[in-house]
Each structure stands twice: as C-alpha cells, then as structure tokens.
Amino acid sequence: MAVSAEMSDESWWYVLGETRLGPVPRGQLVLLHVDGIVDLDNLVWTEGMKEWLPLGQVDALRGDLLESLRKAKLVAPPALPSDYVPKVALNAIPPSSQKVVFTRHPSASTQNLYDAILGEKNRIYYLTKFRQLDQQGPGLKASWNWPSFLCGGVWALYRKMYGWFFAFWGIAALSNLVEKAGSPGLSALVFFAPWIAFTVFANSLYHRSIKKRIAVAQITIKDESQLLEYLRQKGGVHAWVIWVSGLLPIIGILAAIIIPMFARH
C-alpha cells in the first residue's frame, strides 16, 4: 500500500531496529536516507497516515528521495538487513509501548538484487566482497582489486563506472601536461598516485556504484520481478571493452609495421 496524500514539511517518525525515533522534519528524514542511516525498508510515519510504511513505499517522499540520490555524493544505502520488512502495521500516532515486529522477507533480498545487477562475470567474488563491505557499514573501505590495478580506467568502463573512466582520462591528460612542462617526476606522481588509490578502494567504489543504481531503481519500480529484470538489463559488464582493449595493441603493432613500408614507396 502506498501513500498518495500530499504532505508538506511534516514531522516524521522512523524505526531503526525495534526503536522508534523522531519526530524529525521531512528534509532531515531524506538526509538520513542519503547518509545511509534510514533505508528504503525502514518504517516511517507522519500524521495523516493510517499505518507505518517502508520509506520506499511513501509516494509523497519519492520525488525528494530520487532528487537527493541524484545530487548526493554518498548515495548508496548502508549495510542493513534489507530482507526484513514489517510484519504488522502500527496505527495512528505511535504509542511508546508498541513494538515493531520484523520477519524474513519472502521476496527480493539484498543478495538477490546484487545477483541480478552484477551479471555472471566474477559474480561470486563481488557478492563475497559486497557482503563483507555491508557488514563493515557505510564509508569507503580499503580492499585491493587486481583487475583495477592492471587496467585502471578500462576496468571502470568494463564495470560501467563511467565517471571513473573519464576521471582516468582527465588524470592522464593532466599528467601529460605536467610532463610537457618539464616535470617528468611530478607527472608520474600525478598519474600513478590516483591509480593506486583507486585500486585500493576499487571494490568499495564499485559497491557504492551498485547500491546507488539499486536504490534509484527501487524508488521507481515497486514490482519485484520487474525490478530484478530491470537490474539484469542495466547491470552486468561491457564485454566489448575486453575485445577493444585486446585489438588496439594489435592494430598499433600492425600500423607500426605497415605504415613505414608504404612510406618507402
């Protein structure tokens, strides 16, 4: 059930674990979600609602949540038991004696969502890494990733992390400018320092990217089967990146051989 009644800047209550918290203004509730404290599955309530509902099912907040997810730098929901949902609804203004009861969700769990969006390539590896990162809570966590170390921005493009792919191009261009200015040592530092830092946090950055895409999809798609199908279509990897990356060196070698041959004639 979703709430469709218009709500302004009301006072909101929310549930973390079995504890009711609030009231907080509407804007602060949205920020709590952006900061990874309140997830889309956490129960919320405000005056005018007949029952407690998961945050992601409150239509009146959906626009604010989606806009905040687009603007915020840290948008991925934190580690949480997202496969838990309320078993009973609570009525009217919440009495302090009322207890929120949770039960195992029979449908899409966090792992199912990860599984759908990751695709087949190294799925087990990233499912394991994501489970560890979820247990550690929000924020960047160091976790070395060899493919990102070996391929850098190419790995980011392969994993559909487009912003980081273009960031690598920008770093390479800056490094080239510094070298042309007569500072080869500084140029190497400008190029390799971000590369190593990216490698150290690559798993965490990929985890954040995946959770952001899932969170945005959850706001706009409520049907479980449609959500999973959407994540399968939009997730996975760009397999063509491997072919292009393999062909470019071959083309370069052939060009280095053939062009001088034609230049002699």
C-alpha atoms as a PDB file:
ATOM      1  CA  MET A   1       0.000   0.000   0.000  1.00  0.00           C
ATOM      2  CA  ALA A   2       1.378   3.433  -0.890  1.00  0.00           C
ATOM      3  CA  VAL A   3       0.503   6.844   0.474  1.00  0.00           C
ATOM      4  CA  SER A   4      -0.709   9.344  -2.077  1.00  0.00           C
ATOM      5  CA  ALA A   5      -1.995  12.163   0.137  1.00  0.00           C
ATOM      6  CA  GLU A   6       0.012  15.359  -0.208  1.00  0.00           C
ATOM      7  CA  MET A   7       2.315  16.171   2.669  1.00  0.00           C
ATOM      8  CA  SER A   8       4.244  19.380   3.277  1.00  0.00           C
ATOM      9  CA  ASP A   9       7.032  19.745   5.836  1.00  0.00           C
ATOM     10  CA  GLU A  10       5.529  17.426   8.426  1.00  0.00           C
ATOM     11  CA  SER A  11       7.142  15.848  11.422  1.00  0.00           C
ATOM     12  CA  TRP A  12       8.139  12.257  10.751  1.00  0.00           C
ATOM     13  CA  TRP A  13       8.878   9.253  12.914  1.00  0.00           C
ATOM     14  CA  TYR A  14      11.060   6.381  11.757  1.00  0.00           C
ATOM     15  CA  VAL A  15      12.126   2.967  13.039  1.00  0.00           C
ATOM     16  CA  LEU A  16      15.664   1.656  13.421  1.00  0.00           C
ATOM     17  CA  GLY A  17      15.725  -1.946  14.610  1.00  0.00           C
ATOM     18  CA  GLU A  18      12.878  -2.007  17.132  1.00  0.00           C
ATOM     19  CA  THR A  19      13.306   1.600  18.263  1.00  0.00           C
ATOM     20  CA  ARG A  20      11.015   4.449  17.205  1.00  0.00           C
ATOM     21  CA  LEU A  21      12.861   7.722  16.631  1.00  0.00           C
ATOM     22  CA  GLY A  22      11.629  11.218  15.889  1.00  0.00           C
ATOM     23  CA  PRO A  23       9.955  13.416  15.215  1.00  0.00           C
ATOM     24  CA  VAL A  24      12.202  14.925  12.532  1.00  0.00           C
ATOM     25  CA  PRO A  25      11.357  17.322   9.660  1.00  0.00           C
ATOM     26  CA  ARG A  26      10.732  15.898   6.198  1.00  0.00           C
ATOM     27  CA  GLY A  27      14.045  17.225   4.851  1.00  0.00           C
ATOM     28  CA  GLN A  28      16.020  15.652   7.686  1.00  0.00           C
ATOM     29  CA  LEU A  29      14.364  12.293   7.059  1.00  0.00           C
ATOM     30  CA  VAL A  30      15.510  12.457   3.427  1.00  0.00           C
ATOM     31  CA  LEU A  31      19.048  13.339   4.568  1.00  0.00           C
ATOM     32  CA  LEU A  32      19.023  10.370   6.947  1.00  0.00           C
ATOM     33  CA  HIS A  33      18.393   8.167   3.925  1.00  0.00           C
ATOM     34  CA  VAL A  34      21.123   9.842   1.866  1.00  0.00           C
ATOM     35  CA  ASP A  35      23.589   9.467   4.757  1.00  0.00           C
ATOM     36  CA  GLY A  36      22.831   5.745   4.894  1.00  0.00           C
ATOM     37  CA  ILE A  37      21.036   5.753   8.257  1.00  0.00           C
ATOM     38  CA  VAL A  38      17.449   5.161   7.144  1.00  0.00           C
ATOM     39  CA  ASP A  39      16.998   2.653   4.331  1.00  0.00           C
ATOM     40  CA  LEU A  40      14.071   2.282   1.943  1.00  0.00           C
ATOM     41  CA  ASP A  41      12.855  -0.687   4.019  1.00  0.00           C
ATOM     42  CA  ASN A  42      12.774   1.207   7.327  1.00  0.00           C
ATOM     43  CA  LEU A  43       9.293   2.041   8.623  1.00  0.00           C
ATOM     44  CA  VAL A  44       8.237   5.712   8.659  1.00  0.00           C
ATOM     45  CA  TRP A  45       5.082   7.503   9.790  1.00  0.00           C
ATOM     46  CA  THR A  46       3.610  11.004   9.869  1.00  0.00           C
ATOM     47  CA  GLU A  47       0.267  12.479  10.802  1.00  0.00           C
ATOM     48  CA  GLY A  48      -2.357  11.608   8.211  1.00  0.00           C
ATOM     49  CA  MET A  49      -1.004   8.128   7.501  1.00  0.00           C
ATOM     50  CA  LYS A  50      -3.170   5.197   8.609  1.00  0.00           C
ATOM     51  CA  GLU A  51      -0.223   2.904   9.204  1.00  0.00           C
ATOM     52  CA  TRP A  52       3.536   2.650   9.254  1.00  0.00           C
ATOM     53  CA  LEU A  53       5.071   2.051   5.828  1.00  0.00           C
ATOM     54  CA  PRO A  54       8.561   1.374   4.466  1.00  0.00           C
ATOM     55  CA  LEU A  55      10.196   4.614   3.357  1.00  0.00           C
ATOM     56  CA  GLY A  56      10.382   3.438  -0.252  1.00  0.00           C
ATOM     57  CA  GLN A  57       6.594   2.987  -0.403  1.00  0.00           C
ATOM     58  CA  VAL A  58       5.690   6.550   0.602  1.00  0.00           C
ATOM     59  CA  ASP A  59       4.745   8.226  -2.674  1.00  0.00           C
ATOM     60  CA  ALA A  60       4.829  11.689  -1.122  1.00  0.00           C
ATOM     61  CA  LEU A  61       8.556  11.296  -0.389  1.00  0.00           C
ATOM     62  CA  ARG A  62       9.575   9.563  -3.607  1.00  0.00           C
ATOM     63  CA  GLY A  63      10.405  12.734  -5.528  1.00  0.00           C
ATOM     64  CA  ASP A  64      12.551  14.104  -2.687  1.00  0.00           C
ATOM     65  CA  LEU A  65      14.394  10.797  -2.308  1.00  0.00           C
ATOM     66  CA  LEU A  66      15.110  10.468  -6.026  1.00  0.00           C
ATOM     67  CA  GLU A  67      16.338  14.055  -6.306  1.00  0.00           C
ATOM     68  CA  SER A  68      18.605  13.624  -3.280  1.00  0.00           C
ATOM     69  CA  LEU A  69      20.044  10.409  -4.704  1.00  0.00           C
ATOM     70  CA  ARG A  70      20.901  12.220  -7.920  1.00  0.00           C
ATOM     71  CA  LYS A  71      22.629  15.110  -6.152  1.00  0.00           C
ATOM     72  CA  ALA A  72      24.336  13.449  -3.217  1.00  0.00           C
ATOM     73  CA  LYS A  73      27.906  12.211  -3.447  1.00  0.00           C
ATOM     74  CA  LEU A  74      27.287   9.390  -0.999  1.00  0.00           C
ATOM     75  CA  VAL A  75      24.081   7.903  -2.249  1.00  0.00           C
ATOM     76  CA  ALA A  76      24.304   4.214  -1.624  1.00  0.00           C
ATOM     77  CA  PRO A  77      22.255   2.857   1.298  1.00  0.00           C
ATOM     78  CA  PRO A  78      24.431   1.395   4.053  1.00  0.00           C
ATOM     79  CA  ALA A  79      24.755  -2.146   5.291  1.00  0.00           C
ATOM     80  CA  LEU A  80      21.367  -3.232   6.561  1.00  0.00           C
ATOM     81  CA  PRO A  81      19.071  -6.249   6.765  1.00  0.00           C
ATOM     82  CA  SER A  82      17.055  -5.210   3.732  1.00  0.00           C
ATOM     83  CA  ASP A  83      15.397  -8.622   3.612  1.00  0.00           C
ATOM     84  CA  TYR A  84      13.424  -7.694   6.719  1.00  0.00           C
ATOM     85  CA  VAL A  85      10.058  -5.962   6.424  1.00  0.00           C
ATOM     86  CA  PRO A  86       7.343  -5.090   8.945  1.00  0.00           C
ATOM     87  CA  LYS A  87       5.106  -7.987   9.861  1.00  0.00           C
ATOM     88  CA  VAL A  88       2.362  -5.852  11.403  1.00  0.00           C
ATOM     89  CA  ALA A  89       1.239  -2.292  10.764  1.00  0.00           C
ATOM     90  CA  LEU A  90       1.060   0.254  13.560  1.00  0.00           C
ATOM     91  CA  ASN A  91      -1.867   2.608  13.781  1.00  0.00           C
ATOM     92  CA  ALA A  92      -2.151   6.345  14.379  1.00  0.00           C
ATOM     93  CA  ILE A  93       0.372   8.232  16.490  1.00  0.00           C
ATOM     94  CA  PRO A  94       2.837   5.593  17.712  1.00  0.00           C
ATOM     95  CA  PRO A  95       2.453   4.712  21.418  1.00  0.00           C
ATOM     96  CA  SER A  96       5.747   4.132  23.191  1.00  0.00           C
ATOM     97  CA  SER A  97       4.643   0.659  24.274  1.00  0.00           C
ATOM     98  CA  GLN A  98       4.095  -0.549  20.720  1.00  0.00           C
ATOM     99  CA  LYS A  99       6.834  -2.815  19.376  1.00  0.00           C
ATOM    100  CA  VAL A 100       7.755  -3.231  15.722  1.00  0.00           C
ATOM    101  CA  VAL A 101       7.968  -6.896  14.714  1.00  0.00           C
ATOM    102  CA  PHE A 102      10.060  -7.956  11.729  1.00  0.00           C
ATOM    103  CA  THR A 103      10.044 -11.160   9.734  1.00  0.00           C
ATOM    104  CA  ARG A 104      12.106 -12.565   6.888  1.00  0.00           C
ATOM    105  CA  HIS A 105      11.022 -11.125   3.542  1.00  0.00           C
ATOM    106  CA  PRO A 106       9.930 -13.916   1.193  1.00  0.00           C
ATOM    107  CA  SER A 107      10.902 -12.000  -1.919  1.00  0.00           C
ATOM    108  CA  ALA A 108      13.891  -9.998  -3.081  1.00  0.00           C
ATOM    109  CA  SER A 109      16.805  -9.888  -0.609  1.00  0.00           C
ATOM    110  CA  THR A 110      19.897  -7.748  -0.881  1.00  0.00           C
ATOM    111  CA  GLN A 111      21.810 -10.700  -2.317  1.00  0.00           C
ATOM    112  CA  ASN A 112      19.136 -11.250  -4.976  1.00  0.00           C
ATOM    113  CA  LEU A 113      19.436  -7.610  -6.002  1.00  0.00           C
ATOM    114  CA  TYR A 114      23.229  -7.828  -6.128  1.00  0.00           C
ATOM    115  CA  ASP A 115      22.985 -11.085  -8.038  1.00  0.00           C
ATOM    116  CA  ALA A 116      20.674  -9.545 -10.643  1.00  0.00           C
ATOM    117  CA  ILE A 117      22.751  -6.432 -11.318  1.00  0.00           C
ATOM    118  CA  LEU A 118      26.224  -8.000 -11.189  1.00  0.00           C
ATOM    119  CA  GLY A 119      25.727 -10.479 -14.003  1.00  0.00           C
ATOM    120  CA  GLU A 120      27.919 -13.546 -14.419  1.00  0.00           C
ATOM    121  CA  LYS A 121      31.426 -12.072 -14.633  1.00  0.00           C
ATOM    122  CA  ASN A 122      33.198 -12.676 -11.283  1.00  0.00           C
ATOM    123  CA  ARG A 123      29.795 -12.656  -9.605  1.00  0.00           C
ATOM    124  CA  ILE A 124      30.830 -14.843  -6.664  1.00  0.00           C
ATOM    125  CA  TYR A 125      33.884 -12.689  -5.972  1.00  0.00           C
ATOM    126  CA  TYR A 126      31.889  -9.468  -5.825  1.00  0.00           C
ATOM    127  CA  LEU A 127      29.000 -11.000  -3.885  1.00  0.00           C
ATOM    128  CA  THR A 128      31.536 -12.030  -1.250  1.00  0.00           C
ATOM    129  CA  LYS A 129      33.198  -8.623  -1.230  1.00  0.00           C
ATOM    130  CA  PHE A 130      29.860  -6.797  -1.051  1.00  0.00           C
ATOM    131  CA  ARG A 131      28.740  -8.953   1.882  1.00  0.00           C
ATOM    132  CA  GLN A 132      31.929  -8.029   3.734  1.00  0.00           C
ATOM    133  CA  LEU A 133      31.531  -4.336   2.922  1.00  0.00           C
ATOM    134  CA  ASP A 134      27.885  -4.375   4.036  1.00  0.00           C
ATOM    135  CA  GLN A 135      28.947  -5.845   7.373  1.00  0.00           C
ATOM    136  CA  GLN A 136      31.537  -3.093   7.827  1.00  0.00           C
ATOM    137  CA  GLY A 137      28.959  -0.321   7.428  1.00  0.00           C
ATOM    138  CA  PRO A 138      28.941   2.888   5.356  1.00  0.00           C
ATOM    139  CA  GLY A 139      32.027   4.693   4.089  1.00  0.00           C
ATOM    140  CA  LEU A 140      34.943   3.742   1.862  1.00  0.00           C
ATOM    141  CA  LYS A 141      36.834   0.630   2.918  1.00  0.00           C
ATOM    142  CA  ALA A 142      40.228  -0.478   1.628  1.00  0.00           C
ATOM    143  CA  SER A 143      40.006  -3.648  -0.471  1.00  0.00           C
ATOM    144  CA  TRP A 144      42.605  -4.301  -3.162  1.00  0.00           C
ATOM    145  CA  ASN A 145      41.310  -5.136  -6.635  1.00  0.00           C
ATOM    146  CA  TRP A 146      43.813  -6.630  -9.091  1.00  0.00           C
ATOM    147  CA  PRO A 147      41.820  -6.038 -12.314  1.00  0.00           C
ATOM    148  CA  SER A 148      41.520  -2.343 -11.467  1.00  0.00           C
ATOM    149  CA  PHE A 149      45.264  -2.218 -10.722  1.00  0.00           C
ATOM    150  CA  LEU A 150      46.128  -3.802 -14.066  1.00  0.00           C
ATOM    151  CA  CYS A 151      43.557  -1.958 -16.186  1.00  0.00           C
ATOM    152  CA  GLY A 152      42.656   1.230 -14.317  1.00  0.00           C
ATOM    153  CA  GLY A 153      40.044   3.227 -16.189  1.00  0.00           C
ATOM    154  CA  VAL A 154      39.433   0.365 -18.609  1.00  0.00           C
ATOM    155  CA  TRP A 155      38.225  -1.749 -15.685  1.00  0.00           C
ATOM    156  CA  ALA A 156      35.951   1.119 -14.606  1.00  0.00           C
ATOM    157  CA  LEU A 157      34.413   1.273 -18.093  1.00  0.00           C
ATOM    158  CA  TYR A 158      34.061  -2.517 -18.141  1.00  0.00           C
ATOM    159  CA  ARG A 159      32.134  -2.330 -14.867  1.00  0.00           C
ATOM    160  CA  LYS A 160      30.001   0.615 -16.124  1.00  0.00           C
ATOM    161  CA  MET A 161      31.580   3.133 -13.758  1.00  0.00           C
ATOM    162  CA  TYR A 162      31.620   5.834 -16.391  1.00  0.00           C
ATOM    163  CA  GLY A 163      32.578   8.715 -14.113  1.00  0.00           C
ATOM    164  CA  TRP A 164      35.761   6.993 -13.007  1.00  0.00           C
ATOM    165  CA  PHE A 165      36.622   6.065 -16.587  1.00  0.00           C
ATOM    166  CA  PHE A 166      36.545   9.731 -17.614  1.00  0.00           C
ATOM    167  CA  ALA A 167      38.378  10.672 -14.424  1.00  0.00           C
ATOM    168  CA  PHE A 168      41.266   8.462 -15.563  1.00  0.00           C
ATOM    169  CA  TRP A 169      41.308  10.250 -18.916  1.00  0.00           C
ATOM    170  CA  GLY A 170      41.457  13.577 -17.117  1.00  0.00           C
ATOM    171  CA  ILE A 171      44.302  12.400 -14.885  1.00  0.00           C
ATOM    172  CA  ALA A 172      46.221  11.113 -17.917  1.00  0.00           C
ATOM    173  CA  ALA A 173      45.753  14.449 -19.696  1.00  0.00           C
ATOM    174  CA  LEU A 174      46.921  16.366 -16.614  1.00  0.00           C
ATOM    175  CA  SER A 175      49.936  14.103 -16.253  1.00  0.00           C
ATOM    176  CA  ASN A 176      50.845  14.713 -19.895  1.00  0.00           C
ATOM    177  CA  LEU A 177      50.653  18.473 -19.405  1.00  0.00           C
ATOM    178  CA  VAL A 178      52.896  18.298 -16.350  1.00  0.00           C
ATOM    179  CA  GLU A 179      55.449  16.217 -18.277  1.00  0.00           C
ATOM    180  CA  LYS A 180      55.468  18.699 -21.161  1.00  0.00           C
ATOM    181  CA  ALA A 181      56.083  21.445 -18.617  1.00  0.00           C
ATOM    182  CA  GLY A 182      59.379  19.739 -17.787  1.00  0.00           C
ATOM    183  CA  SER A 183      58.486  17.777 -14.638  1.00  0.00           C
ATOM    184  CA  PRO A 184      58.542  14.076 -15.514  1.00  0.00           C
ATOM    185  CA  GLY A 185      58.810  13.013 -11.877  1.00  0.00           C
ATOM    186  CA  LEU A 186      55.778  15.040 -10.849  1.00  0.00           C
ATOM    187  CA  SER A 187      53.979  13.784 -13.952  1.00  0.00           C
ATOM    188  CA  ALA A 188      54.494  10.177 -12.860  1.00  0.00           C
ATOM    189  CA  LEU A 189      53.232  11.025  -9.377  1.00  0.00           C
ATOM    190  CA  VAL A 190      50.120  12.728 -10.768  1.00  0.00           C
ATOM    191  CA  PHE A 191      49.396   9.667 -12.880  1.00  0.00           C
ATOM    192  CA  PHE A 192      50.184   6.768 -10.542  1.00  0.00           C
ATOM    193  CA  ALA A 193      49.076   8.127  -7.147  1.00  0.00           C
ATOM    194  CA  PRO A 194      45.364   8.319  -8.107  1.00  0.00           C
ATOM    195  CA  TRP A 195      45.695   4.965  -9.892  1.00  0.00           C
ATOM    196  CA  ILE A 196      46.959   3.237  -6.735  1.00  0.00           C
ATOM    197  CA  ALA A 197      44.364   4.991  -4.562  1.00  0.00           C
ATOM    198  CA  PHE A 198      41.617   3.874  -6.946  1.00  0.00           C
ATOM    199  CA  THR A 199      42.895   0.292  -6.799  1.00  0.00           C
ATOM    200  CA  VAL A 200      42.891   0.288  -3.001  1.00  0.00           C
ATOM    201  CA  PHE A 201      39.244   1.409  -2.845  1.00  0.00           C
ATOM    202  CA  ALA A 202      38.006  -0.095  -6.128  1.00  0.00           C
ATOM    203  CA  ASN A 203      35.791  -2.755  -4.540  1.00  0.00           C
ATOM    204  CA  SER A 204      34.243  -0.212  -2.201  1.00  0.00           C
ATOM    205  CA  LEU A 205      33.663   2.280  -5.034  1.00  0.00           C
ATOM    206  CA  TYR A 206      32.086  -0.422  -7.178  1.00  0.00           C
ATOM    207  CA  HIS A 207      29.928  -1.491  -4.225  1.00  0.00           C
ATOM    208  CA  ARG A 208      28.760   2.102  -3.801  1.00  0.00           C
ATOM    209  CA  SER A 209      28.004   2.427  -7.517  1.00  0.00           C
ATOM    210  CA  ILE A 210      25.947  -0.783  -7.480  1.00  0.00           C
ATOM    211  CA  LYS A 211      23.974   0.250  -4.390  1.00  0.00           C
ATOM    212  CA  LYS A 212      23.241   3.646  -5.915  1.00  0.00           C
ATOM    213  CA  ARG A 213      21.808   2.072  -9.064  1.00  0.00           C
ATOM    214  CA  ILE A 214      19.734  -0.358  -6.997  1.00  0.00           C
ATOM    215  CA  ALA A 215      18.419   2.424  -4.747  1.00  0.00           C
ATOM    216  CA  VAL A 216      17.333   4.560  -7.706  1.00  0.00           C
ATOM    217  CA  ALA A 217      15.602   1.568  -9.306  1.00  0.00           C
ATOM    218  CA  GLN A 218      13.812   0.691  -6.044  1.00  0.00           C
ATOM    219  CA  ILE A 219      12.260   4.146  -5.863  1.00  0.00           C
ATOM    220  CA  THR A 220      10.743   3.968  -9.335  1.00  0.00           C
ATOM    221  CA  ILE A 221       9.980   0.212  -9.650  1.00  0.00           C
ATOM    222  CA  LYS A 222       7.851  -1.451  -6.981  1.00  0.00           C
ATOM    223  CA  ASP A 223       7.155  -4.828  -8.580  1.00  0.00           C
ATOM    224  CA  GLU A 224       9.829  -7.325  -7.542  1.00  0.00           C
ATOM    225  CA  SER A 225      10.008  -9.265 -10.801  1.00  0.00           C
ATOM    226  CA  GLN A 226      10.170  -6.059 -12.847  1.00  0.00           C
ATOM    227  CA  LEU A 227      12.857  -4.682 -10.547  1.00  0.00           C
ATOM    228  CA  LEU A 228      15.044  -7.771 -10.889  1.00  0.00           C
ATOM    229  CA  GLU A 229      14.585  -7.844 -14.666  1.00  0.00           C
ATOM    230  CA  TYR A 230      15.468  -4.152 -14.914  1.00  0.00           C
ATOM    231  CA  LEU A 231      18.626  -4.693 -12.864  1.00  0.00           C
ATOM    232  CA  ARG A 232      19.647  -7.622 -15.076  1.00  0.00           C
ATOM    233  CA  GLN A 233      19.230  -5.486 -18.198  1.00  0.00           C
ATOM    234  CA  LYS A 234      21.014  -2.431 -16.828  1.00  0.00           C
ATOM    235  CA  GLY A 235      23.664  -4.293 -14.859  1.00  0.00           C
ATOM    236  CA  GLY A 236      26.417  -6.672 -15.840  1.00  0.00           C
ATOM    237  CA  VAL A 237      29.516  -5.527 -17.709  1.00  0.00           C
ATOM    238  CA  HIS A 238      30.531  -4.133 -21.090  1.00  0.00           C
ATOM    239  CA  ALA A 239      32.035  -7.246 -22.667  1.00  0.00           C
ATOM    240  CA  TRP A 240      33.068  -5.284 -25.738  1.00  0.00           C
ATOM    241  CA  VAL A 241      35.655  -3.418 -23.644  1.00  0.00           C
ATOM    242  CA  ILE A 242      37.783  -6.596 -23.492  1.00  0.00           C
ATOM    243  CA  TRP A 243      37.683  -7.034 -27.267  1.00  0.00           C
ATOM    244  CA  VAL A 244      38.519  -3.408 -27.976  1.00  0.00           C
ATOM    245  CA  SER A 245      41.326  -3.405 -25.399  1.00  0.00           C
ATOM    246  CA  GLY A 246      42.782  -6.526 -26.973  1.00  0.00           C
ATOM    247  CA  LEU A 247      42.502  -5.299 -30.557  1.00  0.00           C
ATOM    248  CA  LEU A 248      44.024  -1.851 -30.031  1.00  0.00           C
ATOM    249  CA  PRO A 249      47.574  -3.124 -29.305  1.00  0.00           C
ATOM    250  CA  ILE A 250      47.368  -5.457 -32.310  1.00  0.00           C
ATOM    251  CA  ILE A 251      46.231  -2.596 -34.535  1.00  0.00           C
ATOM    252  CA  GLY A 252      49.057  -0.443 -33.171  1.00  0.00           C
ATOM    253  CA  ILE A 253      51.671  -3.094 -33.937  1.00  0.00           C
ATOM    254  CA  LEU A 254      50.334  -3.651 -37.450  1.00  0.00           C
ATOM    255  CA  ALA A 255      50.268   0.102 -38.077  1.00  0.00           C
ATOM    256  CA  ALA A 256      53.876   0.414 -36.902  1.00  0.00           C
ATOM    257  CA  ILE A 257      54.881  -2.274 -39.432  1.00  0.00           C
ATOM    258  CA  ILE A 258      52.717  -1.350 -42.395  1.00  0.00           C
ATOM    259  CA  ILE A 259      52.957   2.465 -42.374  1.00  0.00           C
ATOM    260  CA  PRO A 260      56.785   2.551 -42.742  1.00  0.00           C
ATOM    261  CA  MET A 261      56.521   0.020 -45.568  1.00  0.00           C
ATOM    262  CA  PHE A 262      54.174   2.305 -47.525  1.00  0.00           C
ATOM    263  CA  ALA A 263      56.295   5.344 -46.642  1.00  0.00           C
ATOM    264  CA  ARG A 264      59.288   3.867 -48.502  1.00  0.00           C
ATOM    265  CA  HIS A 265      57.369   3.656 -51.769  1.00  0.00           C
END
